[in-house]
Structure formats: C-alpha cells, structure tokens
Amino acid sequence: MTAHKRTEITIETDRTLIIRRGRAIRGWCPECGSEVEVVGPAEAEAIARMNGSALGDGSHVSRWHISKGPNGMALVCLESLLKSK
C-alpha cells in the first residue's frame, strides 16, 4: 500500500480601490442611516466592473443604496456598492 501526499496551498488576496476625491462626495444614505461616500451612476458602473460584477443581469444593482442628491441626480452609496459583489 502506498501513502499519498497531500499538498494544500492557501492564497490570500487583497484588493485596493482608489477613488479620487473629485469623484466621491459625502452624502446621507437613508438605508445605511449614516453619512457615507457616494458616487454617480457612471462611477458606480465603473467600480462594479473593476470588482468583477457583471452589469448584464442587474442583480447586484438591486442591492445598491440609491438616493437623490440636492441637484436631483442619482447617487449610489459606496458602502453598498462595494458589498454588492
């Protein structure tokens, strides 16, 4: 009878996302109940693609916290966006 060797490899990864201050602003997220960084829809889609989310099915978009800014523009809560992977 032969003994089998087992090799287990664990890989730990970390991702850093940098958002320029001109793109993200502070705003109130009613769903989080706190002041958070918010971005516009175009920036949210770009960030979602960088995080590997597929925009085709739209399932992750339903988890985004979207509110209206003072000028009526839609704003996406960055916390919910990053958690929607």
PDB file of N, CA and C in Angstrom:
ATOM      1  N   MET A   1       0.849  -1.168   0.000  1.00  0.00           N
ATOM      2  CA  MET A   1       0.000   0.000   0.000  1.00  0.00           C
ATOM      3  C   MET A   1       0.902   1.240   0.000  1.00  0.00           C
ATOM      4  N   THR A   2       0.590   2.219  -0.848  1.00  0.00           N
ATOM      5  CA  THR A   2       1.394   3.431  -0.920  1.00  0.00           C
ATOM      6  C   THR A   2       0.693   4.579  -0.217  1.00  0.00           C
ATOM      7  N   ALA A   3       1.492   5.417   0.382  1.00  0.00           N
ATOM      8  CA  ALA A   3       0.941   6.597   1.074  1.00  0.00           C
ATOM      9  C   ALA A   3       0.846   7.749   0.085  1.00  0.00           C
ATOM     10  N   HIS A   4      -0.257   8.454   0.120  1.00  0.00           N
ATOM     11  CA  HIS A   4      -0.441   9.602  -0.755  1.00  0.00           C
ATOM     12  C   HIS A   4      -0.090  10.880  -0.007  1.00  0.00           C
ATOM     13  N   LYS A   5       0.645  11.733  -0.687  1.00  0.00           N
ATOM     14  CA  LYS A   5       0.960  13.036  -0.104  1.00  0.00           C
ATOM     15  C   LYS A   5      -0.107  14.024  -0.517  1.00  0.00           C
ATOM     16  N   ARG A   6      -0.437  14.908   0.376  1.00  0.00           N
ATOM     17  CA  ARG A   6      -1.419  15.941   0.072  1.00  0.00           C
ATOM     18  C   ARG A   6      -0.772  17.293   0.331  1.00  0.00           C
ATOM     19  N   THR A   7      -0.796  18.134  -0.684  1.00  0.00           N
ATOM     20  CA  THR A   7      -0.262  19.482  -0.554  1.00  0.00           C
ATOM     21  C   THR A   7      -1.426  20.459  -0.617  1.00  0.00           C
ATOM     22  N   GLU A   8      -1.532  21.297   0.370  1.00  0.00           N
ATOM     23  CA  GLU A   8      -2.603  22.293   0.407  1.00  0.00           C
ATOM     24  C   GLU A   8      -1.983  23.674   0.300  1.00  0.00           C
ATOM     25  N   ILE A   9      -2.462  24.442  -0.657  1.00  0.00           N
ATOM     26  CA  ILE A   9      -1.956  25.786  -0.883  1.00  0.00           C
ATOM     27  C   ILE A   9      -3.078  26.772  -0.612  1.00  0.00           C
ATOM     28  N   THR A  10      -2.814  27.723   0.240  1.00  0.00           N
ATOM     29  CA  THR A  10      -3.785  28.760   0.547  1.00  0.00           C
ATOM     30  C   THR A  10      -3.270  30.082  -0.006  1.00  0.00           C
ATOM     31  N   ILE A  11      -4.114  30.730  -0.798  1.00  0.00           N
ATOM     32  CA  ILE A  11      -3.745  32.012  -1.384  1.00  0.00           C
ATOM     33  C   ILE A  11      -4.668  33.074  -0.814  1.00  0.00           C
ATOM     34  N   GLU A  12      -4.081  34.097  -0.262  1.00  0.00           N
ATOM     35  CA  GLU A  12      -4.845  35.192   0.306  1.00  0.00           C
ATOM     36  C   GLU A  12      -4.663  36.411  -0.589  1.00  0.00           C
ATOM     37  N   THR A  13      -5.766  37.011  -0.987  1.00  0.00           N
ATOM     38  CA  THR A  13      -5.674  38.186  -1.850  1.00  0.00           C
ATOM     39  C   THR A  13      -6.329  39.370  -1.175  1.00  0.00           C
ATOM     40  N   ASP A  14      -5.901  40.522  -1.581  1.00  0.00           N
ATOM     41  CA  ASP A  14      -6.445  41.764  -1.059  1.00  0.00           C
ATOM     42  C   ASP A  14      -6.561  42.726  -2.227  1.00  0.00           C
ATOM     43  N   ARG A  15      -7.611  43.506  -2.261  1.00  0.00           N
ATOM     44  CA  ARG A  15      -7.820  44.434  -3.359  1.00  0.00           C
ATOM     45  C   ARG A  15      -7.934  45.842  -2.797  1.00  0.00           C
ATOM     46  N   THR A  16      -7.267  46.767  -3.435  1.00  0.00           N
ATOM     47  CA  THR A  16      -7.332  48.167  -3.039  1.00  0.00           C
ATOM     48  C   THR A  16      -8.012  48.945  -4.144  1.00  0.00           C
ATOM     49  N   LEU A  17      -9.002  49.719  -3.773  1.00  0.00           N
ATOM     50  CA  LEU A  17      -9.734  50.535  -4.723  1.00  0.00           C
ATOM     51  C   LEU A  17      -9.523  51.991  -4.357  1.00  0.00           C
ATOM     52  N   ILE A  18      -9.010  52.759  -5.304  1.00  0.00           N
ATOM     53  CA  ILE A  18      -8.747  54.175  -5.055  1.00  0.00           C
ATOM     54  C   ILE A  18      -9.761  54.994  -5.830  1.00  0.00           C
ATOM     55  N   ILE A  19     -10.466  55.841  -5.120  1.00  0.00           N
ATOM     56  CA  ILE A  19     -11.438  56.728  -5.753  1.00  0.00           C
ATOM     57  C   ILE A  19     -10.963  58.147  -5.521  1.00  0.00           C
ATOM     58  N   ARG A  20     -10.790  58.860  -6.586  1.00  0.00           N
ATOM     59  CA  ARG A  20     -10.313  60.232  -6.465  1.00  0.00           C
ATOM     60  C   ARG A  20     -11.372  61.095  -5.794  1.00  0.00           C
ATOM     61  N   ARG A  21     -10.937  61.997  -4.959  1.00  0.00           N
ATOM     62  CA  ARG A  21     -11.858  62.825  -4.190  1.00  0.00           C
ATOM     63  C   ARG A  21     -12.831  63.603  -5.069  1.00  0.00           C
ATOM     64  N   GLY A  22     -12.447  63.940  -6.279  1.00  0.00           N
ATOM     65  CA  GLY A  22     -13.346  64.670  -7.159  1.00  0.00           C
ATOM     66  C   GLY A  22     -14.545  63.841  -7.589  1.00  0.00           C
ATOM     67  N   ARG A  23     -14.433  62.528  -7.501  1.00  0.00           N
ATOM     68  CA  ARG A  23     -15.498  61.629  -7.952  1.00  0.00           C
ATOM     69  C   ARG A  23     -16.441  61.213  -6.830  1.00  0.00           C
ATOM     70  N   ALA A  24     -15.949  61.108  -5.623  1.00  0.00           N
ATOM     71  CA  ALA A  24     -16.772  60.676  -4.496  1.00  0.00           C
ATOM     72  C   ALA A  24     -17.003  61.863  -3.570  1.00  0.00           C
ATOM     73  N   ILE A  25     -18.230  61.982  -3.118  1.00  0.00           N
ATOM     74  CA  ILE A  25     -18.571  63.055  -2.178  1.00  0.00           C
ATOM     75  C   ILE A  25     -19.251  62.428  -0.959  1.00  0.00           C
ATOM     76  N   ARG A  26     -19.346  63.182   0.094  1.00  0.00           N
ATOM     77  CA  ARG A  26     -20.039  62.719   1.294  1.00  0.00           C
ATOM     78  C   ARG A  26     -21.525  63.010   1.135  1.00  0.00           C
ATOM     79  N   GLY A  27     -22.335  62.065   1.511  1.00  0.00           N
ATOM     80  CA  GLY A  27     -23.782  62.245   1.433  1.00  0.00           C
ATOM     81  C   GLY A  27     -24.474  61.340   2.433  1.00  0.00           C
ATOM     82  N   TRP A  28     -25.763  61.581   2.637  1.00  0.00           N
ATOM     83  CA  TRP A  28     -26.545  60.801   3.577  1.00  0.00           C
ATOM     84  C   TRP A  28     -27.178  59.616   2.850  1.00  0.00           C
ATOM     85  N   CYS A  29     -26.994  58.423   3.400  1.00  0.00           N
ATOM     86  CA  CYS A  29     -27.633  57.221   2.866  1.00  0.00           C
ATOM     87  C   CYS A  29     -28.751  56.827   3.822  1.00  0.00           C
ATOM     88  N   PRO A  30     -30.007  56.973   3.403  1.00  0.00           N
ATOM     89  CA  PRO A  30     -31.114  56.631   4.302  1.00  0.00           C
ATOM     90  C   PRO A  30     -31.153  55.146   4.672  1.00  0.00           C
ATOM     91  N   GLU A  31     -30.689  54.281   3.771  1.00  0.00           N
ATOM     92  CA  GLU A  31     -30.718  52.843   4.060  1.00  0.00           C
ATOM     93  C   GLU A  31     -29.644  52.443   5.062  1.00  0.00           C
ATOM     94  N   CYS A  32     -28.467  53.087   4.993  1.00  0.00           N
ATOM     95  CA  CYS A  32     -27.404  52.830   5.981  1.00  0.00           C
ATOM     96  C   CYS A  32     -27.672  53.603   7.270  1.00  0.00           C
ATOM     97  N   GLY A  33     -28.389  54.716   7.142  1.00  0.00           N
ATOM     98  CA  GLY A  33     -28.659  55.560   8.300  1.00  0.00           C
ATOM     99  C   GLY A  33     -27.446  56.333   8.761  1.00  0.00           C
ATOM    100  N   SER A  34     -26.544  56.646   7.815  1.00  0.00           N
ATOM    101  CA  SER A  34     -25.339  57.378   8.183  1.00  0.00           C
ATOM    102  C   SER A  34     -24.802  58.152   6.980  1.00  0.00           C
ATOM    103  N   GLU A  35     -23.829  59.000   7.259  1.00  0.00           N
ATOM    104  CA  GLU A  35     -23.164  59.748   6.209  1.00  0.00           C
ATOM    105  C   GLU A  35     -22.092  58.846   5.599  1.00  0.00           C
ATOM    106  N   VAL A  36     -22.107  58.729   4.278  1.00  0.00           N
ATOM    107  CA  VAL A  36     -21.194  57.832   3.571  1.00  0.00           C
ATOM    108  C   VAL A  36     -20.643  58.536   2.342  1.00  0.00           C
ATOM    109  N   GLU A  37     -19.667  57.909   1.700  1.00  0.00           N
ATOM    110  CA  GLU A  37     -19.187  58.374   0.405  1.00  0.00           C
ATOM    111  C   GLU A  37     -20.205  57.928  -0.639  1.00  0.00           C
ATOM    112  N   VAL A  38     -20.547  58.825  -1.570  1.00  0.00           N
ATOM    113  CA  VAL A  38     -21.471  58.493  -2.644  1.00  0.00           C
ATOM    114  C   VAL A  38     -20.835  58.847  -3.982  1.00  0.00           C
ATOM    115  N   VAL A  39     -21.233  58.113  -5.013  1.00  0.00           N
ATOM    116  CA  VAL A  39     -20.735  58.357  -6.366  1.00  0.00           C
ATOM    117  C   VAL A  39     -21.919  58.381  -7.318  1.00  0.00           C
ATOM    118  N   GLY A  40     -21.703  58.949  -8.495  1.00  0.00           N
ATOM    119  CA  GLY A  40     -22.724  58.978  -9.525  1.00  0.00           C
ATOM    120  C   GLY A  40     -22.891  57.620 -10.184  1.00  0.00           C
ATOM    121  N   PRO A  41     -23.933  57.444 -10.977  1.00  0.00           N
ATOM    122  CA  PRO A  41     -24.191  56.158 -11.629  1.00  0.00           C
ATOM    123  C   PRO A  41     -23.051  55.698 -12.546  1.00  0.00           C
ATOM    124  N   ALA A  42     -22.432  56.607 -13.283  1.00  0.00           N
ATOM    125  CA  ALA A  42     -21.336  56.230 -14.193  1.00  0.00           C
ATOM    126  C   ALA A  42     -20.142  55.698 -13.404  1.00  0.00           C
ATOM    127  N   GLU A  43     -19.809  56.368 -12.308  1.00  0.00           N
ATOM    128  CA  GLU A  43     -18.699  55.904 -11.471  1.00  0.00           C
ATOM    129  C   GLU A  43     -19.050  54.567 -10.816  1.00  0.00           C
ATOM    130  N   ALA A  44     -20.314  54.396 -10.413  1.00  0.00           N
ATOM    131  CA  ALA A  44     -20.743  53.140  -9.789  1.00  0.00           C
ATOM    132  C   ALA A  44     -20.591  51.973 -10.759  1.00  0.00           C
ATOM    133  N   GLU A  45     -20.964  52.187 -12.018  1.00  0.00           N
ATOM    134  CA  GLU A  45     -20.812  51.122 -13.010  1.00  0.00           C
ATOM    135  C   GLU A  45     -19.346  50.783 -13.243  1.00  0.00           C
ATOM    136  N   ALA A  46     -18.492  51.805 -13.286  1.00  0.00           N
ATOM    137  CA  ALA A  46     -17.055  51.568 -13.479  1.00  0.00           C
ATOM    138  C   ALA A  46     -16.481  50.787 -12.301  1.00  0.00           C
ATOM    139  N   ILE A  47     -16.866  51.136 -11.099  1.00  0.00           N
ATOM    140  CA  ILE A  47     -16.377  50.434  -9.904  1.00  0.00           C
ATOM    141  C   ILE A  47     -16.891  48.999  -9.895  1.00  0.00           C
ATOM    142  N   ALA A  48     -18.141  48.802 -10.286  1.00  0.00           N
ATOM    143  CA  ALA A  48     -18.707  47.445 -10.311  1.00  0.00           C
ATOM    144  C   ALA A  48     -17.939  46.564 -11.282  1.00  0.00           C
ATOM    145  N   ARG A  49     -17.558  47.095 -12.413  1.00  0.00           N
ATOM    146  CA  ARG A  49     -16.783  46.314 -13.383  1.00  0.00           C
ATOM    147  C   ARG A  49     -15.407  45.974 -12.824  1.00  0.00           C
ATOM    148  N   MET A  50     -14.780  46.909 -12.102  1.00  0.00           N
ATOM    149  CA  MET A  50     -13.463  46.646 -11.518  1.00  0.00           C
ATOM    150  C   MET A  50     -13.550  45.576 -10.444  1.00  0.00           C
ATOM    151  N   ASN A  51     -14.691  45.467  -9.782  1.00  0.00           N
ATOM    152  CA  ASN A  51     -14.868  44.463  -8.739  1.00  0.00           C
ATOM    153  C   ASN A  51     -15.306  43.121  -9.293  1.00  0.00           C
ATOM    154  N   GLY A  52     -15.395  43.006 -10.623  1.00  0.00           N
ATOM    155  CA  GLY A  52     -15.760  41.735 -11.230  1.00  0.00           C
ATOM    156  C   GLY A  52     -17.246  41.488 -11.329  1.00  0.00           C
ATOM    157  N   SER A  53     -18.085  42.466 -11.017  1.00  0.00           N
ATOM    158  CA  SER A  53     -19.518  42.279 -11.124  1.00  0.00           C
ATOM    159  C   SER A  53     -19.951  42.417 -12.572  1.00  0.00           C
ATOM    160  N   ALA A  54     -20.871  41.590 -12.990  1.00  0.00           N
ATOM    161  CA  ALA A  54     -21.398  41.687 -14.347  1.00  0.00           C
ATOM    162  C   ALA A  54     -22.625  42.584 -14.317  1.00  0.00           C
ATOM    163  N   LEU A  55     -22.643  43.596 -15.147  1.00  0.00           N
ATOM    164  CA  LEU A  55     -23.778  44.508 -15.176  1.00  0.00           C
ATOM    165  C   LEU A  55     -24.933  43.949 -16.000  1.00  0.00           C
ATOM    166  N   GLY A  56     -24.689  42.907 -16.756  1.00  0.00           N
ATOM    167  CA  GLY A  56     -25.705  42.372 -17.650  1.00  0.00           C
ATOM    168  C   GLY A  56     -26.976  41.916 -16.955  1.00  0.00           C
ATOM    169  N   ASP A  57     -26.869  41.153 -15.881  1.00  0.00           N
ATOM    170  CA  ASP A  57     -28.071  40.631 -15.235  1.00  0.00           C
ATOM    171  C   ASP A  57     -28.708  41.630 -14.277  1.00  0.00           C
ATOM    172  N   GLY A  58     -27.968  42.626 -13.816  1.00  0.00           N
ATOM    173  CA  GLY A  58     -28.522  43.675 -12.953  1.00  0.00           C
ATOM    174  C   GLY A  58     -28.822  43.235 -11.530  1.00  0.00           C
ATOM    175  N   SER A  59     -28.479  42.006 -11.156  1.00  0.00           N
ATOM    176  CA  SER A  59     -28.820  41.516  -9.820  1.00  0.00           C
ATOM    177  C   SER A  59     -28.105  42.283  -8.721  1.00  0.00           C
ATOM    178  N   HIS A  60     -26.851  42.678  -8.969  1.00  0.00           N
ATOM    179  CA  HIS A  60     -26.117  43.413  -7.933  1.00  0.00           C
ATOM    180  C   HIS A  60     -26.606  44.852  -7.808  1.00  0.00           C
ATOM    181  N   VAL A  61     -27.141  45.409  -8.889  1.00  0.00           N
ATOM    182  CA  VAL A  61     -27.629  46.792  -8.860  1.00  0.00           C
ATOM    183  C   VAL A  61     -28.794  46.920  -7.893  1.00  0.00           C
ATOM    184  N   SER A  62     -29.602  45.889  -7.758  1.00  0.00           N
ATOM    185  CA  SER A  62     -30.746  45.945  -6.849  1.00  0.00           C
ATOM    186  C   SER A  62     -30.310  46.052  -5.382  1.00  0.00           C
ATOM    187  N   ARG A  63     -29.036  45.736  -5.101  1.00  0.00           N
ATOM    188  CA  ARG A  63     -28.524  45.826  -3.731  1.00  0.00           C
ATOM    189  C   ARG A  63     -27.863  47.169  -3.439  1.00  0.00           C
ATOM    190  N   TRP A  64     -27.732  48.018  -4.464  1.00  0.00           N
ATOM    191  CA  TRP A  64     -27.139  49.339  -4.256  1.00  0.00           C
ATOM    192  C   TRP A  64     -28.129  50.242  -3.538  1.00  0.00           C
ATOM    193  N   HIS A  65     -27.631  51.080  -2.652  1.00  0.00           N
ATOM    194  CA  HIS A  65     -28.456  52.094  -1.986  1.00  0.00           C
ATOM    195  C   HIS A  65     -28.398  53.349  -2.857  1.00  0.00           C
ATOM    196  N   ILE A  66     -29.507  53.673  -3.510  1.00  0.00           N
ATOM    197  CA  ILE A  66     -29.565  54.811  -4.423  1.00  0.00           C
ATOM    198  C   ILE A  66     -30.459  55.887  -3.831  1.00  0.00           C
ATOM    199  N   SER A  67     -29.954  57.107  -3.825  1.00  0.00           N
ATOM    200  CA  SER A  67     -30.739  58.246  -3.329  1.00  0.00           C
ATOM    201  C   SER A  67     -30.559  59.415  -4.287  1.00  0.00           C
ATOM    202  N   LYS A  68     -31.353  60.437  -4.090  1.00  0.00           N
ATOM    203  CA  LYS A  68     -31.268  61.639  -4.928  1.00  0.00           C
ATOM    204  C   LYS A  68     -30.410  62.682  -4.230  1.00  0.00           C
ATOM    205  N   GLY A  69     -29.514  63.303  -4.987  1.00  0.00           N
ATOM    206  CA  GLY A  69     -28.688  64.382  -4.468  1.00  0.00           C
ATOM    207  C   GLY A  69     -29.454  65.694  -4.478  1.00  0.00           C
ATOM    208  N   PRO A  70     -28.859  66.757  -3.966  1.00  0.00           N
ATOM    209  CA  PRO A  70     -29.537  68.051  -3.904  1.00  0.00           C
ATOM    210  C   PRO A  70     -29.931  68.585  -5.286  1.00  0.00           C
ATOM    211  N   ASN A  71     -29.187  68.225  -6.312  1.00  0.00           N
ATOM    212  CA  ASN A  71     -29.497  68.688  -7.664  1.00  0.00           C
ATOM    213  C   ASN A  71     -30.409  67.718  -8.410  1.00  0.00           C
ATOM    214  N   GLY A  72     -30.914  66.667  -7.745  1.00  0.00           N
ATOM    215  CA  GLY A  72     -31.808  65.695  -8.358  1.00  0.00           C
ATOM    216  C   GLY A  72     -31.101  64.522  -9.011  1.00  0.00           C
ATOM    217  N   MET A  73     -29.765  64.551  -9.040  1.00  0.00           N
ATOM    218  CA  MET A  73     -29.002  63.466  -9.643  1.00  0.00           C
ATOM    219  C   MET A  73     -28.995  62.239  -8.728  1.00  0.00           C
ATOM    220  N   ALA A  74     -29.055  61.057  -9.318  1.00  0.00           N
ATOM    221  CA  ALA A  74     -28.992  59.820  -8.539  1.00  0.00           C
ATOM    222  C   ALA A  74     -27.591  59.647  -7.981  1.00  0.00           C
ATOM    223  N   LEU A  75     -27.503  59.231  -6.719  1.00  0.00           N
ATOM    224  CA  LEU A  75     -26.234  58.974  -6.056  1.00  0.00           C
ATOM    225  C   LEU A  75     -26.251  57.553  -5.496  1.00  0.00           C
ATOM    226  N   VAL A  76     -25.132  56.868  -5.617  1.00  0.00           N
ATOM    227  CA  VAL A  76     -25.029  55.485  -5.156  1.00  0.00           C
ATOM    228  C   VAL A  76     -24.115  55.441  -3.939  1.00  0.00           C
ATOM    229  N   CYS A  77     -24.597  54.817  -2.864  1.00  0.00           N
ATOM    230  CA  CYS A  77     -23.819  54.640  -1.637  1.00  0.00           C
ATOM    231  C   CYS A  77     -22.634  53.720  -1.932  1.00  0.00           C
ATOM    232  N   LEU A  78     -21.438  54.203  -1.661  1.00  0.00           N
ATOM    233  CA  LEU A  78     -20.238  53.433  -1.958  1.00  0.00           C
ATOM    234  C   LEU A  78     -20.140  52.175  -1.109  1.00  0.00           C
ATOM    235  N   GLU A  79     -20.598  52.221   0.130  1.00  0.00           N
ATOM    236  CA  GLU A  79     -20.569  51.047   1.005  1.00  0.00           C
ATOM    237  C   GLU A  79     -21.402  49.913   0.401  1.00  0.00           C
ATOM    238  N   SER A  80     -22.620  50.228  -0.043  1.00  0.00           N
ATOM    239  CA  SER A  80     -23.492  49.199  -0.619  1.00  0.00           C
ATOM    240  C   SER A  80     -22.936  48.699  -1.940  1.00  0.00           C
ATOM    241  N   LEU A  81     -22.329  49.588  -2.695  1.00  0.00           N
ATOM    242  CA  LEU A  81     -21.736  49.224  -3.984  1.00  0.00           C
ATOM    243  C   LEU A  81     -20.605  48.210  -3.790  1.00  0.00           C
ATOM    244  N   LEU A  82     -19.737  48.449  -2.841  1.00  0.00           N
ATOM    245  CA  LEU A  82     -18.598  47.561  -2.605  1.00  0.00           C
ATOM    246  C   LEU A  82     -19.030  46.222  -2.016  1.00  0.00           C
ATOM    247  N   LYS A  83     -20.150  46.210  -1.292  1.00  0.00           N
ATOM    248  CA  LYS A  83     -20.641  44.968  -0.697  1.00  0.00           C
ATOM    249  C   LYS A  83     -21.478  44.143  -1.660  1.00  0.00           C
ATOM    250  N   SER A  84     -21.813  44.689  -2.824  1.00  0.00           N
ATOM    251  CA  SER A  84     -22.741  44.027  -3.743  1.00  0.00           C
ATOM    252  C   SER A  84     -22.093  43.001  -4.650  1.00  0.00           C
ATOM    253  N   LYS A  85     -20.843  42.673  -4.433  1.00  0.00           N
ATOM    254  CA  LYS A  85     -20.140  41.702  -5.276  1.00  0.00           C
ATOM    255  C   LYS A  85     -20.819  40.368  -5.263  1.00  0.00           C
TER     256      LYS A  85
END
